[in-house]
N, C-alpha and C. Protein backbone atom coordinates (compact mmCIF):
# COMPACT_ATOMS: atom_id res chain seq x y z
N MET A 1 -71.97 -127.31 -20.09
CA MET A 1 -70.58 -127.57 -19.79
C MET A 1 -69.68 -126.48 -20.38
N LYS A 2 -69.97 -126.11 -21.63
CA LYS A 2 -69.15 -125.11 -22.28
C LYS A 2 -69.28 -123.75 -21.58
N ASN A 3 -70.48 -123.43 -21.09
CA ASN A 3 -70.69 -122.16 -20.38
C ASN A 3 -69.91 -122.11 -19.08
N ILE A 4 -69.81 -123.23 -18.40
CA ILE A 4 -69.06 -123.27 -17.15
C ILE A 4 -67.58 -123.01 -17.40
N ILE A 5 -67.05 -123.62 -18.43
CA ILE A 5 -65.62 -123.43 -18.76
C ILE A 5 -65.38 -121.99 -19.19
N SER A 6 -66.22 -121.45 -20.04
CA SER A 6 -66.00 -120.09 -20.53
C SER A 6 -66.18 -119.07 -19.39
N THR A 7 -67.11 -119.31 -18.47
CA THR A 7 -67.30 -118.42 -17.33
C THR A 7 -66.06 -118.44 -16.45
N HIS A 8 -65.50 -119.64 -16.26
CA HIS A 8 -64.30 -119.75 -15.43
C HIS A 8 -63.12 -119.02 -16.08
N LEU A 9 -62.98 -119.11 -17.40
CA LEU A 9 -61.90 -118.42 -18.08
C LEU A 9 -62.06 -116.90 -18.03
N ILE A 10 -63.30 -116.44 -18.10
CA ILE A 10 -63.53 -115.00 -18.00
C ILE A 10 -63.13 -114.51 -16.61
N GLN A 11 -63.42 -115.28 -15.57
CA GLN A 11 -63.03 -114.89 -14.23
C GLN A 11 -61.51 -114.86 -14.10
N ASP A 12 -60.83 -115.82 -14.70
CA ASP A 12 -59.37 -115.82 -14.66
C ASP A 12 -58.82 -114.60 -15.39
N ARG A 13 -59.41 -114.26 -16.52
CA ARG A 13 -58.96 -113.07 -17.26
C ARG A 13 -59.21 -111.80 -16.45
N ASP A 14 -60.33 -111.77 -15.76
CA ASP A 14 -60.63 -110.60 -14.93
C ASP A 14 -59.60 -110.45 -13.82
N VAL A 15 -59.24 -111.57 -13.21
CA VAL A 15 -58.23 -111.53 -12.15
C VAL A 15 -56.89 -111.06 -12.72
N GLU A 16 -56.54 -111.55 -13.89
CA GLU A 16 -55.28 -111.12 -14.52
C GLU A 16 -55.30 -109.63 -14.84
N LYS A 17 -56.43 -109.13 -15.30
CA LYS A 17 -56.54 -107.70 -15.60
C LYS A 17 -56.40 -106.86 -14.33
N ILE A 18 -57.05 -107.30 -13.28
CA ILE A 18 -56.98 -106.56 -12.02
C ILE A 18 -55.56 -106.57 -11.47
N VAL A 19 -54.90 -107.73 -11.54
CA VAL A 19 -53.51 -107.82 -11.07
C VAL A 19 -52.62 -106.91 -11.91
N GLY A 20 -52.83 -106.90 -13.22
CA GLY A 20 -52.05 -106.01 -14.09
C GLY A 20 -52.26 -104.55 -13.74
N LYS A 21 -53.51 -104.17 -13.48
CA LYS A 21 -53.80 -102.78 -13.10
C LYS A 21 -53.20 -102.45 -11.74
N LEU A 22 -53.24 -103.42 -10.82
CA LEU A 22 -52.65 -103.21 -9.50
C LEU A 22 -51.15 -102.97 -9.60
N LEU A 23 -50.47 -103.78 -10.39
CA LEU A 23 -49.02 -103.62 -10.55
C LEU A 23 -48.70 -102.30 -11.25
N ARG A 24 -49.46 -101.97 -12.28
CA ARG A 24 -49.23 -100.72 -13.01
C ARG A 24 -49.45 -99.52 -12.09
N PHE A 25 -50.54 -99.54 -11.31
CA PHE A 25 -50.84 -98.45 -10.38
C PHE A 25 -49.73 -98.31 -9.34
N GLY A 26 -49.25 -99.43 -8.81
CA GLY A 26 -48.20 -99.39 -7.79
C GLY A 26 -46.90 -98.81 -8.32
N VAL A 27 -46.51 -99.23 -9.52
CA VAL A 27 -45.25 -98.74 -10.10
C VAL A 27 -45.37 -97.26 -10.46
N ILE A 28 -46.49 -96.86 -11.04
CA ILE A 28 -46.66 -95.45 -11.41
C ILE A 28 -46.70 -94.58 -10.16
N THR A 29 -47.42 -95.02 -9.13
CA THR A 29 -47.49 -94.24 -7.89
C THR A 29 -46.12 -94.12 -7.25
N ALA A 30 -45.38 -95.22 -7.18
CA ALA A 30 -44.04 -95.19 -6.60
C ALA A 30 -43.13 -94.26 -7.40
N SER A 31 -43.24 -94.31 -8.72
CA SER A 31 -42.41 -93.44 -9.56
C SER A 31 -42.73 -91.98 -9.34
N LEU A 32 -44.00 -91.66 -9.22
CA LEU A 32 -44.39 -90.26 -8.99
C LEU A 32 -43.92 -89.77 -7.62
N VAL A 33 -43.99 -90.64 -6.61
CA VAL A 33 -43.53 -90.24 -5.27
C VAL A 33 -42.01 -90.00 -5.30
N VAL A 34 -41.26 -90.88 -5.96
CA VAL A 34 -39.81 -90.70 -6.05
C VAL A 34 -39.50 -89.43 -6.85
N LEU A 35 -40.23 -89.18 -7.93
CA LEU A 35 -40.03 -87.96 -8.71
C LEU A 35 -40.29 -86.71 -7.87
N LEU A 36 -41.36 -86.73 -7.10
CA LEU A 36 -41.66 -85.61 -6.21
C LEU A 36 -40.53 -85.40 -5.21
N GLY A 37 -40.06 -86.49 -4.60
CA GLY A 37 -38.95 -86.38 -3.66
C GLY A 37 -37.69 -85.87 -4.33
N GLY A 38 -37.44 -86.32 -5.55
CA GLY A 38 -36.26 -85.86 -6.29
C GLY A 38 -36.33 -84.38 -6.62
N ILE A 39 -37.51 -83.92 -7.01
CA ILE A 39 -37.68 -82.49 -7.30
C ILE A 39 -37.49 -81.67 -6.03
N LEU A 40 -38.09 -82.11 -4.91
CA LEU A 40 -37.90 -81.39 -3.64
C LEU A 40 -36.43 -81.39 -3.22
N PHE A 41 -35.75 -82.52 -3.46
CA PHE A 41 -34.32 -82.59 -3.12
C PHE A 41 -33.52 -81.59 -3.94
N LEU A 42 -33.81 -81.50 -5.23
CA LEU A 42 -33.08 -80.55 -6.08
C LEU A 42 -33.40 -79.11 -5.71
N VAL A 43 -34.64 -78.85 -5.35
CA VAL A 43 -35.02 -77.48 -4.95
C VAL A 43 -34.29 -77.09 -3.67
N GLN A 44 -34.23 -78.01 -2.70
CA GLN A 44 -33.62 -77.69 -1.42
C GLN A 44 -32.10 -77.77 -1.45
N SER A 45 -31.54 -78.71 -2.21
CA SER A 45 -30.09 -78.94 -2.16
C SER A 45 -29.39 -78.67 -3.47
N GLY A 46 -30.11 -78.22 -4.47
CA GLY A 46 -29.53 -78.04 -5.80
C GLY A 46 -28.49 -76.95 -5.89
N ALA A 47 -28.55 -75.96 -5.02
CA ALA A 47 -27.61 -74.84 -5.08
C ALA A 47 -26.29 -75.13 -4.37
N GLN A 48 -26.22 -76.27 -3.69
CA GLN A 48 -24.99 -76.62 -2.99
C GLN A 48 -23.91 -76.96 -4.00
N GLY A 49 -22.70 -76.96 -3.53
CA GLY A 49 -21.57 -77.28 -4.40
C GLY A 49 -21.60 -78.74 -4.85
N ARG A 50 -20.67 -79.06 -5.71
CA ARG A 50 -20.58 -80.42 -6.24
C ARG A 50 -20.18 -81.38 -5.12
N PRO A 51 -20.90 -82.48 -4.96
CA PRO A 51 -20.58 -83.41 -3.87
C PRO A 51 -19.28 -84.15 -4.14
N ASP A 52 -18.62 -84.54 -3.06
CA ASP A 52 -17.37 -85.30 -3.16
C ASP A 52 -17.71 -86.79 -3.09
N TYR A 53 -17.59 -87.46 -4.22
CA TYR A 53 -17.93 -88.87 -4.28
C TYR A 53 -16.75 -89.78 -3.96
N HIS A 54 -15.62 -89.21 -3.62
CA HIS A 54 -14.46 -90.03 -3.24
C HIS A 54 -14.62 -90.63 -1.85
N ILE A 55 -15.44 -90.00 -1.05
CA ILE A 55 -15.70 -90.48 0.31
C ILE A 55 -17.15 -90.97 0.36
N PHE A 56 -17.32 -92.23 0.74
CA PHE A 56 -18.67 -92.80 0.80
C PHE A 56 -19.36 -92.35 2.07
N LYS A 57 -20.54 -91.81 1.89
CA LYS A 57 -21.38 -91.43 3.02
C LYS A 57 -22.66 -92.25 2.90
N GLY A 58 -22.91 -93.10 3.86
CA GLY A 58 -24.10 -93.93 3.83
C GLY A 58 -25.35 -93.12 4.11
N GLU A 59 -26.47 -93.78 4.00
CA GLU A 59 -27.76 -93.12 4.27
C GLU A 59 -27.86 -92.78 5.75
N GLU A 60 -28.49 -91.67 6.03
CA GLU A 60 -28.69 -91.28 7.42
C GLU A 60 -29.55 -92.32 8.12
N ASN A 61 -29.33 -92.50 9.40
CA ASN A 61 -30.09 -93.49 10.17
C ASN A 61 -31.59 -93.19 10.20
N ASP A 62 -31.94 -91.93 9.98
CA ASP A 62 -33.36 -91.57 10.00
C ASP A 62 -34.14 -92.22 8.87
N PHE A 63 -33.46 -92.57 7.79
CA PHE A 63 -34.18 -93.02 6.60
C PHE A 63 -33.99 -94.51 6.30
N ILE A 64 -33.53 -95.29 7.27
CA ILE A 64 -33.39 -96.72 7.04
C ILE A 64 -34.38 -97.54 7.86
N THR A 65 -35.22 -96.89 8.64
CA THR A 65 -36.26 -97.59 9.40
C THR A 65 -37.62 -97.07 8.96
N PHE A 66 -38.64 -97.89 9.19
CA PHE A 66 -40.00 -97.45 8.83
C PHE A 66 -40.39 -96.20 9.60
N ASP A 67 -40.08 -96.17 10.89
CA ASP A 67 -40.42 -95.00 11.71
C ASP A 67 -39.74 -93.74 11.18
N GLY A 68 -38.46 -93.86 10.87
CA GLY A 68 -37.72 -92.72 10.35
C GLY A 68 -38.25 -92.22 9.03
N ILE A 69 -38.60 -93.15 8.16
CA ILE A 69 -39.14 -92.77 6.85
C ILE A 69 -40.47 -92.05 7.02
N PHE A 70 -41.36 -92.61 7.86
CA PHE A 70 -42.68 -91.98 8.02
C PHE A 70 -42.59 -90.65 8.75
N MET A 71 -41.69 -90.53 9.73
CA MET A 71 -41.53 -89.24 10.41
C MET A 71 -40.96 -88.20 9.43
N GLY A 72 -40.02 -88.60 8.61
CA GLY A 72 -39.47 -87.69 7.61
C GLY A 72 -40.48 -87.36 6.53
N LEU A 73 -41.37 -88.29 6.24
CA LEU A 73 -42.40 -88.07 5.23
C LEU A 73 -43.36 -86.97 5.68
N PHE A 74 -43.74 -87.01 6.95
CA PHE A 74 -44.68 -86.01 7.46
C PHE A 74 -44.04 -84.65 7.66
N THR A 75 -42.71 -84.59 7.69
CA THR A 75 -42.02 -83.30 7.78
C THR A 75 -41.48 -82.86 6.43
N PHE A 76 -41.87 -83.56 5.37
CA PHE A 76 -41.51 -83.24 3.99
C PHE A 76 -40.01 -83.20 3.75
N LYS A 77 -39.29 -84.17 4.29
CA LYS A 77 -37.87 -84.30 3.99
C LYS A 77 -37.73 -85.05 2.68
N PRO A 78 -37.02 -84.49 1.71
CA PRO A 78 -36.95 -85.10 0.38
C PRO A 78 -36.42 -86.53 0.38
N MET A 79 -35.41 -86.83 1.17
CA MET A 79 -34.85 -88.18 1.20
C MET A 79 -35.86 -89.18 1.75
N ALA A 80 -36.68 -88.76 2.70
CA ALA A 80 -37.72 -89.63 3.25
C ALA A 80 -38.80 -89.88 2.21
N ILE A 81 -39.12 -88.88 1.41
CA ILE A 81 -40.12 -89.05 0.36
C ILE A 81 -39.61 -90.03 -0.69
N ILE A 82 -38.34 -89.92 -1.04
CA ILE A 82 -37.75 -90.86 -2.00
C ILE A 82 -37.76 -92.27 -1.44
N GLN A 83 -37.38 -92.42 -0.18
CA GLN A 83 -37.39 -93.74 0.45
C GLN A 83 -38.81 -94.31 0.53
N PHE A 84 -39.79 -93.46 0.76
CA PHE A 84 -41.18 -93.91 0.78
C PHE A 84 -41.60 -94.42 -0.60
N GLY A 85 -41.14 -93.76 -1.64
CA GLY A 85 -41.42 -94.24 -3.00
C GLY A 85 -40.81 -95.62 -3.24
N VAL A 86 -39.63 -95.84 -2.70
CA VAL A 86 -38.99 -97.15 -2.82
C VAL A 86 -39.80 -98.19 -2.03
N LEU A 87 -40.28 -97.80 -0.86
CA LEU A 87 -41.14 -98.71 -0.09
C LEU A 87 -42.41 -99.07 -0.86
N LEU A 88 -43.01 -98.09 -1.52
CA LEU A 88 -44.19 -98.37 -2.33
C LEU A 88 -43.87 -99.35 -3.45
N LEU A 89 -42.69 -99.20 -4.02
CA LEU A 89 -42.28 -100.11 -5.09
C LEU A 89 -42.08 -101.53 -4.55
N ILE A 90 -41.58 -101.65 -3.34
CA ILE A 90 -41.41 -102.97 -2.72
C ILE A 90 -42.76 -103.57 -2.34
N ILE A 91 -43.69 -102.75 -1.89
CA ILE A 91 -45.00 -103.23 -1.45
C ILE A 91 -45.86 -103.70 -2.63
N THR A 92 -45.61 -103.16 -3.82
CA THR A 92 -46.44 -103.49 -4.98
C THR A 92 -46.52 -104.99 -5.27
N PRO A 93 -45.42 -105.72 -5.39
CA PRO A 93 -45.56 -107.16 -5.64
C PRO A 93 -46.13 -107.92 -4.44
N ILE A 94 -45.92 -107.39 -3.24
CA ILE A 94 -46.50 -108.03 -2.06
C ILE A 94 -48.02 -107.91 -2.12
N MET A 95 -48.52 -106.76 -2.56
CA MET A 95 -49.96 -106.59 -2.71
C MET A 95 -50.51 -107.51 -3.80
N ARG A 96 -49.72 -107.79 -4.82
CA ARG A 96 -50.13 -108.73 -5.85
C ARG A 96 -50.31 -110.12 -5.26
N ILE A 97 -49.40 -110.50 -4.38
CA ILE A 97 -49.50 -111.81 -3.74
C ILE A 97 -50.73 -111.87 -2.84
N VAL A 98 -50.99 -110.80 -2.11
CA VAL A 98 -52.17 -110.75 -1.23
C VAL A 98 -53.45 -110.83 -2.06
N PHE A 99 -53.49 -110.10 -3.16
CA PHE A 99 -54.67 -110.16 -4.03
C PHE A 99 -54.85 -111.56 -4.62
N SER A 100 -53.75 -112.18 -5.03
CA SER A 100 -53.83 -113.55 -5.55
C SER A 100 -54.33 -114.50 -4.48
N LEU A 101 -53.90 -114.29 -3.25
CA LEU A 101 -54.36 -115.14 -2.15
C LEU A 101 -55.88 -115.05 -2.00
N PHE A 102 -56.42 -113.83 -2.03
CA PHE A 102 -57.87 -113.68 -1.92
C PHE A 102 -58.61 -114.30 -3.10
N SER A 103 -58.04 -114.17 -4.29
CA SER A 103 -58.71 -114.77 -5.45
C SER A 103 -58.69 -116.30 -5.36
N PHE A 104 -57.59 -116.88 -4.84
CA PHE A 104 -57.54 -118.33 -4.67
C PHE A 104 -58.51 -118.78 -3.58
N ILE A 105 -58.68 -117.96 -2.55
CA ILE A 105 -59.64 -118.30 -1.49
C ILE A 105 -61.06 -118.28 -2.06
N LEU A 106 -61.37 -117.29 -2.89
CA LEU A 106 -62.69 -117.23 -3.50
C LEU A 106 -62.94 -118.40 -4.44
N GLU A 107 -61.89 -118.85 -5.12
CA GLU A 107 -62.02 -120.00 -6.02
C GLU A 107 -62.02 -121.33 -5.26
N LYS A 108 -61.70 -121.26 -3.96
CA LYS A 108 -61.62 -122.44 -3.10
C LYS A 108 -60.56 -123.43 -3.60
N ASP A 109 -59.44 -122.88 -4.05
CA ASP A 109 -58.33 -123.69 -4.52
C ASP A 109 -57.32 -123.83 -3.39
N LYS A 110 -57.44 -124.89 -2.60
CA LYS A 110 -56.67 -125.04 -1.37
C LYS A 110 -55.17 -125.15 -1.62
N LEU A 111 -54.77 -125.85 -2.67
CA LEU A 111 -53.34 -126.01 -2.95
C LEU A 111 -52.67 -124.66 -3.20
N TYR A 112 -53.29 -123.84 -4.05
CA TYR A 112 -52.70 -122.53 -4.35
C TYR A 112 -52.80 -121.57 -3.17
N VAL A 113 -53.80 -121.73 -2.33
CA VAL A 113 -53.89 -120.92 -1.12
C VAL A 113 -52.70 -121.22 -0.22
N VAL A 114 -52.39 -122.50 -0.04
CA VAL A 114 -51.26 -122.90 0.81
C VAL A 114 -49.94 -122.41 0.21
N ILE A 115 -49.77 -122.61 -1.09
CA ILE A 115 -48.52 -122.16 -1.74
C ILE A 115 -48.37 -120.65 -1.63
N THR A 116 -49.45 -119.92 -1.86
CA THR A 116 -49.40 -118.46 -1.79
C THR A 116 -49.13 -118.00 -0.36
N LEU A 117 -49.69 -118.67 0.62
CA LEU A 117 -49.41 -118.32 2.02
C LEU A 117 -47.94 -118.55 2.37
N ILE A 118 -47.37 -119.63 1.84
CA ILE A 118 -45.94 -119.90 2.09
C ILE A 118 -45.08 -118.81 1.46
N VAL A 119 -45.39 -118.45 0.22
CA VAL A 119 -44.63 -117.39 -0.45
C VAL A 119 -44.77 -116.07 0.30
N LEU A 120 -45.99 -115.74 0.71
CA LEU A 120 -46.23 -114.50 1.44
C LEU A 120 -45.49 -114.50 2.78
N ALA A 121 -45.49 -115.64 3.48
CA ALA A 121 -44.78 -115.74 4.76
C ALA A 121 -43.28 -115.55 4.57
N ILE A 122 -42.72 -116.13 3.52
CA ILE A 122 -41.29 -115.98 3.26
C ILE A 122 -40.95 -114.53 2.96
N ILE A 123 -41.75 -113.89 2.12
CA ILE A 123 -41.46 -112.50 1.75
C ILE A 123 -41.62 -111.57 2.95
N LEU A 124 -42.71 -111.72 3.70
CA LEU A 124 -42.92 -110.86 4.86
C LEU A 124 -41.89 -111.13 5.94
N GLY A 125 -41.53 -112.40 6.13
CA GLY A 125 -40.51 -112.73 7.12
C GLY A 125 -39.16 -112.14 6.78
N SER A 126 -38.79 -112.20 5.51
CA SER A 126 -37.49 -111.64 5.12
C SER A 126 -37.52 -110.12 5.10
N THR A 127 -38.68 -109.53 4.82
CA THR A 127 -38.78 -108.08 4.81
C THR A 127 -38.75 -107.49 6.21
N PHE A 128 -39.57 -108.04 7.09
CA PHE A 128 -39.69 -107.47 8.43
C PHE A 128 -38.77 -108.11 9.45
N GLY A 129 -38.35 -109.34 9.19
CA GLY A 129 -37.49 -110.03 10.14
C GLY A 129 -36.01 -109.94 9.83
N GLY A 130 -35.69 -109.43 8.66
CA GLY A 130 -34.30 -109.32 8.29
C GLY A 130 -33.67 -110.64 7.91
N LEU A 131 -34.48 -111.63 7.60
CA LEU A 131 -33.95 -112.93 7.17
C LEU A 131 -33.40 -112.83 5.78
N LYS A 132 -32.30 -113.53 5.53
CA LYS A 132 -31.73 -113.56 4.20
C LYS A 132 -31.97 -114.95 3.64
N ILE A 133 -32.90 -115.02 2.70
CA ILE A 133 -33.24 -116.31 2.12
C ILE A 133 -32.77 -116.37 0.68
């Protein structure tokens, strides 16, 4: 009996370690991508004059859609690289939820599978559907 409990706790600790590494990897990767985009932006636009912040200029339409970000990413546009880093940062907790879902499926814990699916559906629906929840 004691071995079964300790084995189960070790598996839970392993899952927690993997989730921690997943989150750490996602944040570090996103930070490096944003840093790379920032450096490219400074190299390309750093010699320009001081920007006028009295007039608000929104983000270009090219960089507010997934297609625009990926097209700009493949053409090495600095703003697209920065936006891609932000996307990676947003995807990181979503990947944590997906990983948790698989671990609950492996544990055959139906209640947590259902709860995790609901949370994942809400997040994906609001991300891709533009729902404000």
